[in-house]
């Protein structure tokens, strides 16, 4: 069974590093969908990455879903 999705976690790197990761992922295989995941201040970088990729590199790219949610983190030891 082939995997048709890939997940890229957006963090503190420059946006072009993630754009390159998207382009590389799409060109290497039969991927149909890439998911960008980010938390906190990296959310703005994820939006920038999606827009840069769509407007400059892959003109027929479509953003299909934007999901905003909360992830519960387990408490740390001693708290």
N, C-alpha and C. Protein backbone atom coordinates (compact mmCIF):
# COMPACT_ATOMS: atom_id res chain seq x y z
N UNK A 1 0.84 -1.18 0.00
CA UNK A 1 0.00 0.00 0.00
C UNK A 1 0.88 1.24 0.00
N UNK A 2 0.62 2.18 -0.89
CA UNK A 2 1.43 3.38 -0.97
C UNK A 2 0.82 4.48 -0.12
N UNK A 3 1.70 5.32 0.38
CA UNK A 3 1.26 6.43 1.21
C UNK A 3 1.08 7.66 0.33
N UNK A 4 -0.07 8.30 0.39
CA UNK A 4 -0.36 9.45 -0.46
C UNK A 4 -0.31 10.77 0.29
N UNK A 5 0.13 10.76 1.55
CA UNK A 5 0.25 12.00 2.30
C UNK A 5 1.60 12.06 2.98
N UNK A 6 2.02 13.27 3.29
CA UNK A 6 3.28 13.51 3.99
C UNK A 6 3.03 14.64 4.97
N UNK A 7 3.70 14.62 6.11
CA UNK A 7 3.54 15.65 7.13
C UNK A 7 4.87 16.38 7.27
N UNK A 8 4.81 17.71 7.24
CA UNK A 8 5.98 18.55 7.46
C UNK A 8 5.70 19.41 8.68
N UNK A 9 6.55 19.29 9.69
CA UNK A 9 6.39 20.07 10.90
C UNK A 9 7.17 21.37 10.75
N UNK A 10 6.48 22.50 10.87
CA UNK A 10 7.08 23.81 10.69
C UNK A 10 7.54 24.32 12.05
N UNK A 11 8.79 24.79 12.10
CA UNK A 11 9.37 25.29 13.35
C UNK A 11 10.09 26.60 13.14
N UNK A 12 11.37 26.64 13.55
CA UNK A 12 12.14 27.89 13.56
C UNK A 12 13.01 28.11 12.34
N UNK A 13 13.04 27.19 11.41
CA UNK A 13 13.87 27.36 10.21
C UNK A 13 13.27 28.44 9.32
N UNK A 14 14.06 28.97 8.38
CA UNK A 14 13.51 29.94 7.42
C UNK A 14 12.44 29.29 6.55
N UNK A 15 11.46 30.07 6.11
CA UNK A 15 10.36 29.51 5.31
C UNK A 15 10.82 28.75 4.06
N UNK A 16 11.87 29.21 3.41
CA UNK A 16 12.31 28.55 2.18
C UNK A 16 12.80 27.12 2.43
N UNK A 17 13.24 26.81 3.64
CA UNK A 17 13.62 25.43 3.96
C UNK A 17 12.42 24.51 3.87
N UNK A 18 11.27 24.99 4.32
CA UNK A 18 10.04 24.18 4.27
C UNK A 18 9.46 24.15 2.86
N UNK A 19 9.61 25.25 2.13
CA UNK A 19 9.16 25.26 0.73
C UNK A 19 9.95 24.21 -0.06
N UNK A 20 11.25 24.15 0.17
CA UNK A 20 12.09 23.16 -0.50
C UNK A 20 11.68 21.74 -0.10
N UNK A 21 11.32 21.55 1.16
CA UNK A 21 10.87 20.22 1.61
C UNK A 21 9.58 19.82 0.90
N UNK A 22 8.68 20.77 0.70
CA UNK A 22 7.42 20.49 0.00
C UNK A 22 7.70 20.11 -1.45
N UNK A 23 8.51 20.91 -2.12
CA UNK A 23 8.81 20.66 -3.53
C UNK A 23 9.51 19.31 -3.69
N UNK A 24 10.45 19.01 -2.79
CA UNK A 24 11.16 17.74 -2.85
C UNK A 24 10.21 16.57 -2.62
N UNK A 25 9.34 16.70 -1.64
CA UNK A 25 8.39 15.61 -1.35
C UNK A 25 7.46 15.35 -2.52
N UNK A 26 6.97 16.41 -3.14
CA UNK A 26 6.05 16.24 -4.25
C UNK A 26 6.73 15.67 -5.49
N UNK A 27 8.01 16.01 -5.69
CA UNK A 27 8.69 15.56 -6.90
C UNK A 27 9.25 14.14 -6.77
N UNK A 28 9.42 13.63 -5.56
CA UNK A 28 10.04 12.32 -5.38
C UNK A 28 9.09 11.14 -5.50
N UNK A 29 7.83 11.35 -5.28
CA UNK A 29 6.97 10.18 -5.27
C UNK A 29 5.59 10.46 -5.80
N UNK A 30 4.67 9.60 -5.40
CA UNK A 30 3.29 9.73 -5.86
C UNK A 30 2.42 10.40 -4.80
N UNK A 31 3.01 11.33 -4.06
CA UNK A 31 2.25 12.04 -3.03
C UNK A 31 1.18 12.91 -3.65
N UNK A 32 0.01 12.87 -3.08
CA UNK A 32 -1.10 13.70 -3.54
C UNK A 32 -1.37 14.84 -2.57
N UNK A 33 -0.88 14.72 -1.33
CA UNK A 33 -1.23 15.68 -0.30
C UNK A 33 -0.08 15.83 0.68
N UNK A 34 0.16 17.07 1.11
CA UNK A 34 1.15 17.35 2.14
C UNK A 34 0.45 18.13 3.23
N UNK A 35 0.70 17.75 4.47
CA UNK A 35 0.13 18.43 5.62
C UNK A 35 1.22 19.22 6.32
N UNK A 36 0.98 20.51 6.52
CA UNK A 36 1.87 21.35 7.30
C UNK A 36 1.31 21.43 8.71
N UNK A 37 2.16 21.17 9.70
CA UNK A 37 1.73 21.27 11.10
C UNK A 37 2.65 22.25 11.81
N UNK A 38 2.04 23.13 12.62
CA UNK A 38 2.81 24.12 13.35
C UNK A 38 2.10 24.45 14.65
N UNK A 39 2.89 24.94 15.61
CA UNK A 39 2.33 25.37 16.89
C UNK A 39 2.85 26.77 17.20
N UNK A 40 2.02 27.54 17.89
CA UNK A 40 2.44 28.85 18.38
C UNK A 40 2.81 29.82 17.28
N UNK A 41 3.95 30.46 17.45
CA UNK A 41 4.38 31.47 16.50
C UNK A 41 4.75 30.89 15.14
N UNK A 42 4.98 29.60 15.07
CA UNK A 42 5.32 28.96 13.80
C UNK A 42 4.12 28.85 12.87
N UNK A 43 2.92 29.11 13.38
CA UNK A 43 1.72 29.04 12.53
C UNK A 43 1.82 30.07 11.40
N UNK A 44 2.31 31.26 11.71
CA UNK A 44 2.44 32.28 10.65
C UNK A 44 3.46 31.85 9.60
N UNK A 45 4.52 31.18 10.03
CA UNK A 45 5.50 30.66 9.08
C UNK A 45 4.87 29.60 8.19
N UNK A 46 4.03 28.74 8.76
CA UNK A 46 3.37 27.70 7.97
C UNK A 46 2.46 28.31 6.91
N UNK A 47 1.76 29.38 7.26
CA UNK A 47 0.90 30.07 6.29
C UNK A 47 1.76 30.68 5.20
N UNK A 48 2.87 31.31 5.58
CA UNK A 48 3.78 31.89 4.59
C UNK A 48 4.33 30.82 3.65
N UNK A 49 4.71 29.68 4.20
CA UNK A 49 5.24 28.58 3.39
C UNK A 49 4.21 28.12 2.37
N UNK A 50 2.97 27.96 2.80
CA UNK A 50 1.92 27.52 1.88
C UNK A 50 1.71 28.55 0.77
N UNK A 51 1.69 29.82 1.12
CA UNK A 51 1.48 30.87 0.12
C UNK A 51 2.66 31.01 -0.83
N UNK A 52 3.88 30.94 -0.31
CA UNK A 52 5.07 31.03 -1.17
C UNK A 52 5.09 29.87 -2.16
N UNK A 53 4.81 28.67 -1.67
CA UNK A 53 4.80 27.49 -2.54
C UNK A 53 3.74 27.63 -3.61
N UNK A 54 2.56 28.08 -3.22
CA UNK A 54 1.43 28.19 -4.16
C UNK A 54 1.65 29.30 -5.18
N UNK A 55 2.14 30.44 -4.76
CA UNK A 55 2.24 31.60 -5.65
C UNK A 55 3.51 31.64 -6.49
N UNK A 56 4.61 31.08 -6.00
CA UNK A 56 5.88 31.20 -6.71
C UNK A 56 6.33 29.93 -7.42
N UNK A 57 6.01 28.77 -6.87
CA UNK A 57 6.61 27.54 -7.38
C UNK A 57 5.63 26.57 -8.01
N UNK A 58 4.53 26.29 -7.37
CA UNK A 58 3.57 25.31 -7.89
C UNK A 58 2.25 26.04 -8.08
N UNK A 59 2.04 26.56 -9.28
CA UNK A 59 0.89 27.42 -9.55
C UNK A 59 -0.45 26.71 -9.39
N UNK A 60 -0.51 25.41 -9.67
CA UNK A 60 -1.79 24.71 -9.58
C UNK A 60 -1.99 24.02 -8.23
N UNK A 61 -1.21 24.40 -7.23
CA UNK A 61 -1.36 23.87 -5.88
C UNK A 61 -2.66 24.38 -5.26
N UNK A 62 -3.36 23.50 -4.56
CA UNK A 62 -4.61 23.88 -3.92
C UNK A 62 -4.52 23.62 -2.42
N UNK A 63 -4.94 24.62 -1.65
CA UNK A 63 -5.05 24.45 -0.20
C UNK A 63 -6.44 23.88 0.04
N UNK A 64 -6.51 22.66 0.54
CA UNK A 64 -7.80 21.99 0.66
C UNK A 64 -8.44 22.14 2.03
N UNK A 65 -7.63 22.27 3.07
CA UNK A 65 -8.21 22.31 4.41
C UNK A 65 -7.30 23.08 5.35
N UNK A 66 -7.91 23.90 6.18
CA UNK A 66 -7.19 24.58 7.25
C UNK A 66 -7.87 24.19 8.55
N UNK A 67 -7.14 23.57 9.43
CA UNK A 67 -7.71 23.13 10.71
C UNK A 67 -6.94 23.77 11.85
N UNK A 68 -7.66 24.36 12.77
CA UNK A 68 -7.06 24.97 13.95
C UNK A 68 -7.60 24.22 15.16
N UNK A 69 -6.72 23.78 16.01
CA UNK A 69 -7.17 23.02 17.17
C UNK A 69 -6.22 23.18 18.34
N UNK A 70 -6.55 22.52 19.40
CA UNK A 70 -5.75 22.56 20.62
C UNK A 70 -5.28 21.15 20.93
N UNK A 71 -4.02 21.04 21.24
CA UNK A 71 -3.45 19.75 21.64
C UNK A 71 -3.16 19.80 23.13
N UNK A 72 -3.74 18.89 23.87
CA UNK A 72 -3.51 18.82 25.31
C UNK A 72 -2.16 18.16 25.56
N UNK A 73 -1.33 18.82 26.35
CA UNK A 73 -0.03 18.28 26.70
C UNK A 73 -0.12 17.67 28.09
N UNK A 74 0.50 16.52 28.31
CA UNK A 74 0.48 15.93 29.66
C UNK A 74 1.28 16.80 30.63
N UNK A 75 0.87 16.84 31.89
CA UNK A 75 1.61 17.67 32.86
C UNK A 75 3.03 17.15 33.06
N UNK A 76 3.93 18.08 33.36
CA UNK A 76 5.32 17.71 33.61
C UNK A 76 5.44 17.09 34.99
N UNK A 77 6.55 16.43 35.20
CA UNK A 77 6.82 15.83 36.51
C UNK A 77 6.89 16.92 37.57
N UNK A 78 6.21 16.70 38.69
CA UNK A 78 6.28 17.64 39.80
C UNK A 78 5.27 18.77 39.73
N UNK A 79 4.44 18.82 38.71
CA UNK A 79 3.46 19.91 38.61
C UNK A 79 2.10 19.45 39.04
